[in-house]
Amino acid sequence: EKAANVNSSAFDHIQMKLFRSQRNLYLSGFSLFLWLVL
């Protein structure tokens, strides 16, 4: 999308989705790790 020069609202929406997916990755990863530690 960045290469295609789309408008800024679409770029912000993609950034928001990316942020949420990264947050979910950290949540599930740390939960998995702490479950093993527990």
PDB file of all heavy atoms in Angstrom:
ATOM      1  N   GLU A   1       0.825  -1.203   0.000  1.00  0.00           N
ATOM      2  CA  GLU A   1       0.000   0.000   0.000  1.00  0.00           C
ATOM      3  C   GLU A   1       0.858   1.251   0.000  1.00  0.00           C
ATOM      4  O   GLU A   1       0.525   2.237  -0.638  1.00  0.00           O
ATOM      5  CB  GLU A   1      -0.949  -0.002   1.204  1.00  0.00           C
ATOM      6  CG  GLU A   1      -1.972  -1.111   1.181  1.00  0.00           C
ATOM      7  CD  GLU A   1      -2.987  -0.955   0.065  1.00  0.00           C
ATOM      8  OE1 GLU A   1      -3.235   0.179  -0.358  1.00  0.00           O
ATOM      9  OE2 GLU A   1      -3.511  -1.984  -0.390  1.00  0.00           O
ATOM     10  N   LYS A   2       1.948   1.222   0.707  1.00  0.00           N
ATOM     11  CA  LYS A   2       2.818   2.392   0.744  1.00  0.00           C
ATOM     12  C   LYS A   2       3.431   2.620  -0.634  1.00  0.00           C
ATOM     13  O   LYS A   2       3.588   3.768  -1.071  1.00  0.00           O
ATOM     14  CB  LYS A   2       3.908   2.185   1.797  1.00  0.00           C
ATOM     15  CG  LYS A   2       4.693   3.432   2.101  1.00  0.00           C
ATOM     16  CD  LYS A   2       5.638   3.186   3.247  1.00  0.00           C
ATOM     17  CE  LYS A   2       6.414   4.463   3.562  1.00  0.00           C
ATOM     18  NZ  LYS A   2       7.395   4.251   4.604  1.00  0.00           N
ATOM     19  N   ALA A   3       3.765   1.548  -1.307  1.00  0.00           N
ATOM     20  CA  ALA A   3       4.349   1.665  -2.645  1.00  0.00           C
ATOM     21  C   ALA A   3       3.324   2.199  -3.637  1.00  0.00           C
ATOM     22  O   ALA A   3       3.673   2.886  -4.598  1.00  0.00           O
ATOM     23  CB  ALA A   3       4.885   0.317  -3.104  1.00  0.00           C
ATOM     24  N   ALA A   4       2.042   1.893  -3.427  1.00  0.00           N
ATOM     25  CA  ALA A   4       0.999   2.323  -4.365  1.00  0.00           C
ATOM     26  C   ALA A   4       0.526   3.753  -4.098  1.00  0.00           C
ATOM     27  O   ALA A   4      -0.322   4.268  -4.817  1.00  0.00           O
ATOM     28  CB  ALA A   4      -0.184   1.369  -4.298  1.00  0.00           C
ATOM     29  N   ASN A   5       1.058   4.397  -3.059  1.00  0.00           N
ATOM     30  CA  ASN A   5       0.692   5.770  -2.709  1.00  0.00           C
ATOM     31  C   ASN A   5      -0.809   5.950  -2.514  1.00  0.00           C
ATOM     32  O   ASN A   5      -1.443   6.804  -3.132  1.00  0.00           O
ATOM     33  CB  ASN A   5       1.196   6.758  -3.760  1.00  0.00           C
ATOM     34  CG  ASN A   5       2.695   6.892  -3.732  1.00  0.00           C
ATOM     35  OD1 ASN A   5       3.306   6.787  -2.684  1.00  0.00           O
ATOM     36  ND2 ASN A   5       3.285   7.112  -4.893  1.00  0.00           N
ATOM     37  N   VAL A   6      -1.396   5.145  -1.628  1.00  0.00           N
ATOM     38  CA  VAL A   6      -2.817   5.273  -1.342  1.00  0.00           C
ATOM     39  C   VAL A   6      -3.033   6.447  -0.411  1.00  0.00           C
ATOM     40  O   VAL A   6      -2.088   6.997   0.156  1.00  0.00           O
ATOM     41  CB  VAL A   6      -3.395   3.984  -0.709  1.00  0.00           C
ATOM     42  CG1 VAL A   6      -3.336   2.848  -1.686  1.00  0.00           C
ATOM     43  CG2 VAL A   6      -2.668   3.660   0.563  1.00  0.00           C
ATOM     44  N   ASN A   7      -4.303   6.818  -0.225  1.00  0.00           N
ATOM     45  CA  ASN A   7      -4.586   7.972   0.628  1.00  0.00           C
ATOM     46  C   ASN A   7      -4.228   7.683   2.083  1.00  0.00           C
ATOM     47  O   ASN A   7      -4.064   6.539   2.492  1.00  0.00           O
ATOM     48  CB  ASN A   7      -6.044   8.415   0.481  1.00  0.00           C
ATOM     49  CG  ASN A   7      -7.014   7.330   0.901  1.00  0.00           C
ATOM     50  OD1 ASN A   7      -6.636   6.366   1.553  1.00  0.00           O
ATOM     51  ND2 ASN A   7      -8.259   7.494   0.509  1.00  0.00           N
ATOM     52  N   SER A   8      -4.147   8.731   2.886  1.00  0.00           N
ATOM     53  CA  SER A   8      -3.627   8.590   4.247  1.00  0.00           C
ATOM     54  C   SER A   8      -4.585   7.846   5.166  1.00  0.00           C
ATOM     55  O   SER A   8      -4.144   7.187   6.092  1.00  0.00           O
ATOM     56  CB  SER A   8      -3.310   9.963   4.827  1.00  0.00           C
ATOM     57  OG  SER A   8      -4.496  10.720   4.943  1.00  0.00           O
ATOM     58  N   SER A   9      -5.906   7.932   4.930  1.00  0.00           N
ATOM     59  CA  SER A   9      -6.829   7.225   5.814  1.00  0.00           C
ATOM     60  C   SER A   9      -6.703   5.709   5.654  1.00  0.00           C
ATOM     61  O   SER A   9      -6.792   4.972   6.624  1.00  0.00           O
ATOM     62  CB  SER A   9      -8.266   7.672   5.589  1.00  0.00           C
ATOM     63  OG  SER A   9      -8.684   7.299   4.290  1.00  0.00           O
ATOM     64  N   ALA A  10      -6.492   5.239   4.445  1.00  0.00           N
ATOM     65  CA  ALA A  10      -6.278   3.803   4.227  1.00  0.00           C
ATOM     66  C   ALA A  10      -4.957   3.363   4.850  1.00  0.00           C
ATOM     67  O   ALA A  10      -4.873   2.287   5.448  1.00  0.00           O
ATOM     68  CB  ALA A  10      -6.300   3.477   2.743  1.00  0.00           C
ATOM     69  N   PHE A  11      -3.950   4.214   4.728  1.00  0.00           N
ATOM     70  CA  PHE A  11      -2.653   3.900   5.316  1.00  0.00           C
ATOM     71  C   PHE A  11      -2.778   3.841   6.844  1.00  0.00           C
ATOM     72  O   PHE A  11      -2.230   2.927   7.478  1.00  0.00           O
ATOM     73  CB  PHE A  11      -1.622   4.957   4.904  1.00  0.00           C
ATOM     74  CG  PHE A  11      -0.251   4.715   5.464  1.00  0.00           C
ATOM     75  CD1 PHE A  11       0.538   3.685   4.982  1.00  0.00           C
ATOM     76  CD2 PHE A  11       0.250   5.526   6.477  1.00  0.00           C
ATOM     77  CE1 PHE A  11       1.798   3.457   5.498  1.00  0.00           C
ATOM     78  CE2 PHE A  11       1.496   5.303   7.000  1.00  0.00           C
ATOM     79  CZ  PHE A  11       2.280   4.273   6.502  1.00  0.00           C
ATOM     80  N   ASP A  12      -3.515   4.788   7.436  1.00  0.00           N
ATOM     81  CA  ASP A  12      -3.728   4.786   8.886  1.00  0.00           C
ATOM     82  C   ASP A  12      -4.503   3.549   9.323  1.00  0.00           C
ATOM     83  O   ASP A  12      -4.232   2.974  10.379  1.00  0.00           O
ATOM     84  CB  ASP A  12      -4.479   6.041   9.312  1.00  0.00           C
ATOM     85  CG  ASP A  12      -3.618   7.288   9.206  1.00  0.00           C
ATOM     86  OD1 ASP A  12      -2.382   7.140   9.107  1.00  0.00           O
ATOM     87  OD2 ASP A  12      -4.186   8.401   9.207  1.00  0.00           O
ATOM     88  N   HIS A  13      -5.488   3.147   8.522  1.00  0.00           N
ATOM     89  CA  HIS A  13      -6.273   1.959   8.845  1.00  0.00           C
ATOM     90  C   HIS A  13      -5.389   0.714   8.834  1.00  0.00           C
ATOM     91  O   HIS A  13      -5.499  -0.148   9.734  1.00  0.00           O
ATOM     92  CB  HIS A  13      -7.424   1.810   7.840  1.00  0.00           C
ATOM     93  CG  HIS A  13      -8.336   0.673   8.149  1.00  0.00           C
ATOM     94  ND1 HIS A  13      -9.197   0.670   9.219  1.00  0.00           N
ATOM     95  CD2 HIS A  13      -8.501  -0.532   7.532  1.00  0.00           C
ATOM     96  CE1 HIS A  13      -9.857  -0.462   9.250  1.00  0.00           C
ATOM     97  NE2 HIS A  13      -9.442  -1.212   8.232  1.00  0.00           N
ATOM     98  N   ILE A  14      -4.521   0.616   7.873  1.00  0.00           N
ATOM     99  CA  ILE A  14      -3.601  -0.528   7.800  1.00  0.00           C
ATOM    100  C   ILE A  14      -2.639  -0.504   8.982  1.00  0.00           C
ATOM    101  O   ILE A  14      -2.362  -1.545   9.586  1.00  0.00           O
ATOM    102  CB  ILE A  14      -2.848  -0.522   6.453  1.00  0.00           C
ATOM    103  CG1 ILE A  14      -3.820  -0.826   5.318  1.00  0.00           C
ATOM    104  CG2 ILE A  14      -1.713  -1.531   6.469  1.00  0.00           C
ATOM    105  CD1 ILE A  14      -3.240  -0.631   3.948  1.00  0.00           C
ATOM    106  N   GLN A  15      -2.162   0.698   9.316  1.00  0.00           N
ATOM    107  CA  GLN A  15      -1.264   0.819  10.475  1.00  0.00           C
ATOM    108  C   GLN A  15      -1.976   0.397  11.765  1.00  0.00           C
ATOM    109  O   GLN A  15      -1.384  -0.247  12.629  1.00  0.00           O
ATOM    110  CB  GLN A  15      -0.761   2.252  10.614  1.00  0.00           C
ATOM    111  CG  GLN A  15       0.221   2.650   9.553  1.00  0.00           C
ATOM    112  CD  GLN A  15       1.555   1.972   9.737  1.00  0.00           C
ATOM    113  OE1 GLN A  15       1.656   0.746   9.673  1.00  0.00           O
ATOM    114  NE2 GLN A  15       2.579   2.748   9.954  1.00  0.00           N
ATOM    115  N   MET A  16      -3.264   0.759  11.891  1.00  0.00           N
ATOM    116  CA  MET A  16      -4.044   0.378  13.062  1.00  0.00           C
ATOM    117  C   MET A  16      -4.187  -1.145  13.131  1.00  0.00           C
ATOM    118  O   MET A  16      -4.020  -1.758  14.194  1.00  0.00           O
ATOM    119  CB  MET A  16      -5.426   1.031  13.024  1.00  0.00           C
ATOM    120  CG  MET A  16      -6.311   0.673  14.194  1.00  0.00           C
ATOM    121  SD  MET A  16      -7.975   1.284  14.013  1.00  0.00           S
ATOM    122  CE  MET A  16      -8.532   0.328  12.611  1.00  0.00           C
ATOM    123  N   LYS A  17      -4.492  -1.756  11.996  1.00  0.00           N
ATOM    124  CA  LYS A  17      -4.630  -3.223  11.959  1.00  0.00           C
ATOM    125  C   LYS A  17      -3.299  -3.892  12.308  1.00  0.00           C
ATOM    126  O   LYS A  17      -3.265  -4.898  13.018  1.00  0.00           O
ATOM    127  CB  LYS A  17      -5.100  -3.680  10.576  1.00  0.00           C
ATOM    128  CG  LYS A  17      -6.497  -3.278  10.230  1.00  0.00           C
ATOM    129  CD  LYS A  17      -7.454  -4.242  10.845  1.00  0.00           C
ATOM    130  CE  LYS A  17      -8.818  -4.027  10.229  1.00  0.00           C
ATOM    131  NZ  LYS A  17      -9.781  -4.952  10.752  1.00  0.00           N
ATOM    132  N   LEU A  18      -2.209  -3.344  11.790  1.00  0.00           N
ATOM    133  CA  LEU A  18      -0.886  -3.888  12.077  1.00  0.00           C
ATOM    134  C   LEU A  18      -0.569  -3.761  13.566  1.00  0.00           C
ATOM    135  O   LEU A  18      -0.071  -4.701  14.183  1.00  0.00           O
ATOM    136  CB  LEU A  18       0.186  -3.185  11.246  1.00  0.00           C
ATOM    137  CG  LEU A  18       1.625  -3.642  11.460  1.00  0.00           C
ATOM    138  CD1 LEU A  18       1.772  -5.114  11.084  1.00  0.00           C
ATOM    139  CD2 LEU A  18       2.577  -2.787  10.648  1.00  0.00           C
ATOM    140  N   PHE A  19      -0.875  -2.607  14.154  1.00  0.00           N
ATOM    141  CA  PHE A  19      -0.639  -2.406  15.580  1.00  0.00           C
ATOM    142  C   PHE A  19      -1.430  -3.406  16.407  1.00  0.00           C
ATOM    143  O   PHE A  19      -0.907  -4.017  17.342  1.00  0.00           O
ATOM    144  CB  PHE A  19      -1.018  -0.979  15.985  1.00  0.00           C
ATOM    145  CG  PHE A  19      -1.009  -0.759  17.460  1.00  0.00           C
ATOM    146  CD1 PHE A  19       0.185  -0.616  18.148  1.00  0.00           C
ATOM    147  CD2 PHE A  19      -2.194  -0.718  18.176  1.00  0.00           C
ATOM    148  CE1 PHE A  19       0.202  -0.427  19.512  1.00  0.00           C
ATOM    149  CE2 PHE A  19      -2.187  -0.532  19.550  1.00  0.00           C
ATOM    150  CZ  PHE A  19      -0.988  -0.384  20.210  1.00  0.00           C
ATOM    151  N   ARG A  20      -2.694  -3.600  16.083  1.00  0.00           N
ATOM    152  CA  ARG A  20      -3.530  -4.542  16.832  1.00  0.00           C
ATOM    153  C   ARG A  20      -3.018  -5.970  16.697  1.00  0.00           C
ATOM    154  O   ARG A  20      -3.015  -6.738  17.656  1.00  0.00           O
ATOM    155  CB  ARG A  20      -4.982  -4.463  16.355  1.00  0.00           C
ATOM    156  CG  ARG A  20      -5.684  -3.252  16.857  1.00  0.00           C
ATOM    157  CD  ARG A  20      -7.120  -3.257  16.439  1.00  0.00           C
ATOM    158  NE  ARG A  20      -7.793  -2.058  16.924  1.00  0.00           N
ATOM    159  CZ  ARG A  20      -8.960  -1.668  16.517  1.00  0.00           C
ATOM    160  NH1 ARG A  20      -9.633  -2.360  15.601  1.00  0.00           N
ATOM    161  NH2 ARG A  20      -9.504  -0.580  17.002  1.00  0.00           N
ATOM    162  N   SER A  21      -2.606  -6.333  15.497  1.00  0.00           N
ATOM    163  CA  SER A  21      -2.108  -7.696  15.312  1.00  0.00           C
ATOM    164  C   SER A  21      -0.790  -7.903  16.060  1.00  0.00           C
ATOM    165  O   SER A  21      -0.552  -8.977  16.622  1.00  0.00           O
ATOM    166  CB  SER A  21      -1.970  -8.031  13.833  1.00  0.00           C
ATOM    167  OG  SER A  21      -1.070  -7.157  13.206  1.00  0.00           O
ATOM    168  N   GLN A  22       0.065  -6.869  16.097  1.00  0.00           N
ATOM    169  CA  GLN A  22       1.306  -6.981  16.870  1.00  0.00           C
ATOM    170  C   GLN A  22       1.011  -7.058  18.362  1.00  0.00           C
ATOM    171  O   GLN A  22       1.633  -7.839  19.089  1.00  0.00           O
ATOM    172  CB  GLN A  22       2.217  -5.789  16.583  1.00  0.00           C
ATOM    173  CG  GLN A  22       2.833  -5.825  15.220  1.00  0.00           C
ATOM    174  CD  GLN A  22       3.566  -4.542  14.883  1.00  0.00           C
ATOM    175  OE1 GLN A  22       3.346  -3.503  15.512  1.00  0.00           O
ATOM    176  NE2 GLN A  22       4.428  -4.609  13.885  1.00  0.00           N
ATOM    177  N   ARG A  23       0.049  -6.272  18.829  1.00  0.00           N
ATOM    178  CA  ARG A  23      -0.354  -6.328  20.236  1.00  0.00           C
ATOM    179  C   ARG A  23      -0.856  -7.730  20.585  1.00  0.00           C
ATOM    180  O   ARG A  23      -0.493  -8.300  21.607  1.00  0.00           O
ATOM    181  CB  ARG A  23      -1.450  -5.295  20.499  1.00  0.00           C
ATOM    182  CG  ARG A  23      -1.972  -5.343  21.917  1.00  0.00           C
ATOM    183  CD  ARG A  23      -3.340  -4.768  22.055  1.00  0.00           C
ATOM    184  NE  ARG A  23      -4.276  -5.506  21.215  1.00  0.00           N
ATOM    185  CZ  ARG A  23      -5.475  -5.055  20.887  1.00  0.00           C
ATOM    186  NH1 ARG A  23      -5.865  -3.873  21.280  1.00  0.00           N
ATOM    187  NH2 ARG A  23      -6.284  -5.783  20.139  1.00  0.00           N
ATOM    188  N   ASN A  24      -1.677  -8.300  19.708  1.00  0.00           N
ATOM    189  CA  ASN A  24      -2.202  -9.647  19.942  1.00  0.00           C
ATOM    190  C   ASN A  24      -1.085 -10.686  19.943  1.00  0.00           C
ATOM    191  O   ASN A  24      -1.126 -11.650  20.707  1.00  0.00           O
ATOM    192  CB  ASN A  24      -3.249  -9.993  18.888  1.00  0.00           C
ATOM    193  CG  ASN A  24      -4.456  -9.094  18.983  1.00  0.00           C
ATOM    194  OD1 ASN A  24      -4.696  -8.451  20.000  1.00  0.00           O
ATOM    195  ND2 ASN A  24      -5.223  -9.022  17.900  1.00  0.00           N
ATOM    196  N   LEU A  25      -0.095 -10.475  19.098  1.00  0.00           N
ATOM    197  CA  LEU A  25       1.059 -11.371  19.070  1.00  0.00           C
ATOM    198  C   LEU A  25       1.789 -11.334  20.409  1.00  0.00           C
ATOM    199  O   LEU A  25       2.114 -12.385  20.975  1.00  0.00           O
ATOM    200  CB  LEU A  25       2.005 -10.977  17.936  1.00  0.00           C
ATOM    201  CG  LEU A  25       3.294 -11.774  17.819  1.00  0.00           C
ATOM    202  CD1 LEU A  25       2.995 -13.157  17.286  1.00  0.00           C
ATOM    203  CD2 LEU A  25       4.275 -11.054  16.923  1.00  0.00           C
ATOM    204  N   TYR A  26       2.021 -10.145  20.914  1.00  0.00           N
ATOM    205  CA  TYR A  26       2.704 -10.023  22.207  1.00  0.00           C
ATOM    206  C   TYR A  26       1.863 -10.601  23.337  1.00  0.00           C
ATOM    207  O   TYR A  26       2.386 -11.280  24.217  1.00  0.00           O
ATOM    208  CB  TYR A  26       3.054  -8.561  22.512  1.00  0.00           C
ATOM    209  CG  TYR A  26       4.132  -8.008  21.621  1.00  0.00           C
ATOM    210  CD1 TYR A  26       3.963  -6.805  20.962  1.00  0.00           C
ATOM    211  CD2 TYR A  26       5.322  -8.693  21.433  1.00  0.00           C
ATOM    212  CE1 TYR A  26       4.950  -6.292  20.149  1.00  0.00           C
ATOM    213  CE2 TYR A  26       6.319  -8.199  20.618  1.00  0.00           C
ATOM    214  CZ  TYR A  26       6.126  -6.989  19.974  1.00  0.00           C
ATOM    215  OH  TYR A  26       7.102  -6.492  19.165  1.00  0.00           O
ATOM    216  N   LEU A  27       0.569 -10.329  23.333  1.00  0.00           N
ATOM    217  CA  LEU A  27      -0.302 -10.869  24.378  1.00  0.00           C
ATOM    218  C   LEU A  27      -0.279 -12.393  24.397  1.00  0.00           C
ATOM    219  O   LEU A  27      -0.096 -13.020  25.439  1.00  0.00           O
ATOM    220  CB  LEU A  27      -1.744 -10.390  24.189  1.00  0.00           C
ATOM    221  CG  LEU A  27      -2.073  -8.985  24.617  1.00  0.00           C
ATOM    222  CD1 LEU A  27      -3.498  -8.639  24.203  1.00  0.00           C
ATOM    223  CD2 LEU A  27      -1.895  -8.813  26.094  1.00  0.00           C
ATOM    224  N   SER A  28      -0.457 -12.997  23.235  1.00  0.00           N
ATOM    225  CA  SER A  28      -0.492 -14.464  23.187  1.00  0.00           C
ATOM    226  C   SER A  28       0.882 -15.062  23.462  1.00  0.00           C
ATOM    227  O   SER A  28       0.987 -16.098  24.135  1.00  0.00           O
ATOM    228  CB  SER A  28      -1.036 -14.938  21.841  1.00  0.00           C
ATOM    229  OG  SER A  28      -0.230 -14.479  20.782  1.00  0.00           O
ATOM    230  N   GLY A  29       1.930 -14.428  22.986  1.00  0.00           N
ATOM    231  CA  GLY A  29       3.287 -14.939  23.230  1.00  0.00           C
ATOM    232  C   GLY A  29       3.663 -14.897  24.694  1.00  0.00           C
ATOM    233  O   GLY A  29       4.175 -15.871  25.249  1.00  0.00           O
ATOM    234  N   PHE A  30       3.401 -13.759  25.334  1.00  0.00           N
ATOM    235  CA  PHE A  30       3.716 -13.650  26.753  1.00  0.00           C
ATOM    236  C   PHE A  30       2.819 -14.552  27.599  1.00  0.00           C
ATOM    237  O   PHE A  30       3.266 -15.110  28.604  1.00  0.00           O
ATOM    238  CB  PHE A  30       3.618 -12.201  27.231  1.00  0.00           C
ATOM    239  CG  PHE A  30       4.780 -11.351  26.796  1.00  0.00           C
ATOM    240  CD1 PHE A  30       4.557 -10.148  26.163  1.00  0.00           C
ATOM    241  CD2 PHE A  30       6.081 -11.758  27.009  1.00  0.00           C
ATOM    242  CE1 PHE A  30       5.618  -9.360  25.757  1.00  0.00           C
ATOM    243  CE2 PHE A  30       7.155 -10.978  26.603  1.00  0.00           C
ATOM    244  CZ  PHE A  30       6.922  -9.773  25.976  1.00  0.00           C
ATOM    245  N   SER A  31       1.570 -14.705  27.207  1.00  0.00           N
ATOM    246  CA  SER A  31       0.684 -15.621  27.935  1.00  0.00           C
ATOM    247  C   SER A  31       1.193 -17.051  27.851  1.00  0.00           C
ATOM    248  O   SER A  31       1.203 -17.775  28.845  1.00  0.00           O
ATOM    249  CB  SER A  31      -0.738 -15.556  27.383  1.00  0.00           C
ATOM    250  OG  SER A  31      -1.329 -14.336  27.668  1.00  0.00           O
ATOM    251  N   LEU A  32       1.596 -17.456  26.667  1.00  0.00           N
ATOM    252  CA  LEU A  32       2.146 -18.798  26.476  1.00  0.00           C
ATOM    253  C   LEU A  32       3.403 -18.987  27.315  1.00  0.00           C
ATOM    254  O   LEU A  32       3.550 -19.986  28.035  1.00  0.00           O
ATOM    255  CB  LEU A  32       2.439 -19.020  24.990  1.00  0.00           C
ATOM    256  CG  LEU A  32       3.005 -20.358  24.568  1.00  0.00           C
ATOM    257  CD1 LEU A  32       2.029 -21.468  24.885  1.00  0.00           C
ATOM    258  CD2 LEU A  32       3.312 -20.336  23.084  1.00  0.00           C
ATOM    259  N   PHE A  33       4.295 -18.013  27.262  1.00  0.00           N
ATOM    260  CA  PHE A  33       5.543 -18.094  28.018  1.00  0.00           C
ATOM    261  C   PHE A  33       5.276 -18.146  29.524  1.00  0.00           C
ATOM    262  O   PHE A  33       5.835 -18.995  30.232  1.00  0.00           O
ATOM    263  CB  PHE A  33       6.437 -16.902  27.675  1.00  0.00           C
ATOM    264  CG  PHE A  33       7.676 -16.821  28.504  1.00  0.00           C
ATOM    265  CD1 PHE A  33       8.709 -17.720  28.319  1.00  0.00           C
ATOM    266  CD2 PHE A  33       7.803 -15.845  29.478  1.00  0.00           C
ATOM    267  CE1 PHE A  33       9.861 -17.660  29.086  1.00  0.00           C
ATOM    268  CE2 PHE A  33       8.945 -15.772  30.251  1.00  0.00           C
ATOM    269  CZ  PHE A  33       9.972 -16.675  30.058  1.00  0.00           C
ATOM    270  N   LEU A  34       4.419 -17.267  30.017  1.00  0.00           N
ATOM    271  CA  LEU A  34       4.148 -17.237  31.455  1.00  0.00           C
ATOM    272  C   LEU A  34       3.385 -18.465  31.927  1.00  0.00           C
ATOM    273  O   LEU A  34       3.515 -18.871  33.084  1.00  0.00           O
ATOM    274  CB  LEU A  34       3.405 -15.966  31.838  1.00  0.00           C
ATOM    275  CG  LEU A  34       4.264 -14.725  31.968  1.00  0.00           C
ATOM    276  CD1 LEU A  34       3.429 -13.534  32.365  1.00  0.00           C
ATOM    277  CD2 LEU A  34       5.395 -14.928  32.951  1.00  0.00           C
ATOM    278  N   TRP A  35       2.593 -19.074  31.053  1.00  0.00           N
ATOM    279  CA  TRP A  35       1.905 -20.303  31.430  1.00  0.00           C
ATOM    280  C   TRP A  35       2.925 -21.408  31.682  1.00  0.00           C
ATOM    281  O   TRP A  35       2.809 -22.180  32.629  1.00  0.00           O
ATOM    282  CB  TRP A  35       0.900 -20.691  30.352  1.00  0.00           C
ATOM    283  CG  TRP A  35       0.024 -21.840  30.723  1.00  0.00           C
ATOM    284  CD1 TRP A  35      -0.020 -23.050  30.105  1.00  0.00           C
ATOM    285  CD2 TRP A  35      -0.938 -21.912  31.782  1.00  0.00           C
ATOM    286  NE1 TRP A  35      -0.947 -23.861  30.722  1.00  0.00           N
ATOM    287  CE2 TRP A  35      -1.529 -23.185  31.746  1.00  0.00           C
ATOM    288  CE3 TRP A  35      -1.349 -21.026  32.761  1.00  0.00           C
ATOM    289  CZ2 TRP A  35      -2.498 -23.592  32.652  1.00  0.00           C
ATOM    290  CZ3 TRP A  35      -2.317 -21.433  33.658  1.00  0.00           C
ATOM    291  CH2 TRP A  35      -2.883 -22.690  33.591  1.00  0.00           C
ATOM    292  N   LEU A  36       3.943 -21.475  30.826  1.00  0.00           N
ATOM    293  CA  LEU A  36       5.005 -22.462  31.029  1.00  0.00           C
ATOM    294  C   LEU A  36       5.814 -22.136  32.283  1.00  0.00           C
ATOM    295  O   LEU A  36       6.187 -23.035  33.048  1.00  0.00           O
ATOM    296  CB  LEU A  36       5.909 -22.517  29.799  1.00  0.00           C
ATOM    297  CG  LEU A  36       5.241 -23.007  28.516  1.00  0.00           C
ATOM    298  CD1 LEU A  36       6.151 -22.800  27.323  1.00  0.00           C
ATOM    299  CD2 LEU A  36       4.836 -24.462  28.631  1.00  0.00           C
ATOM    300  N   VAL A  37       6.088 -20.854  32.516  1.00  0.00           N
ATOM    301  CA  VAL A  37       6.829 -20.437  33.707  1.00  0.00           C
ATOM    302  C   VAL A  37       6.026 -20.759  34.967  1.00  0.00           C
ATOM    303  O   VAL A  37       6.586 -21.221  35.962  1.00  0.00           O
ATOM    304  CB  VAL A  37       7.174 -18.933  33.634  1.00  0.00           C
ATOM    305  CG1 VAL A  37       7.683 -18.407  34.966  1.00  0.00           C
ATOM    306  CG2 VAL A  37       8.206 -18.687  32.551  1.00  0.00           C
ATOM    307  N   LEU A  38       4.728 -20.537  34.911  1.00  0.00           N
ATOM    308  CA  LEU A  38       3.867 -20.821  36.062  1.00  0.00           C
ATOM    309  C   LEU A  38       3.890 -22.302  36.412  1.00  0.00           C
ATOM    310  O   LEU A  38       4.018 -22.684  37.574  1.00  0.00           O
ATOM    311  CB  LEU A  38       2.440 -20.360  35.782  1.00  0.00           C
ATOM    312  CG  LEU A  38       1.423 -20.555  36.889  1.00  0.00           C
ATOM    313  CD1 LEU A  38       1.796 -19.724  38.099  1.00  0.00           C
ATOM    314  CD2 LEU A  38       0.042 -20.187  36.399  1.00  0.00           C
TER     315      LEU A  38
END
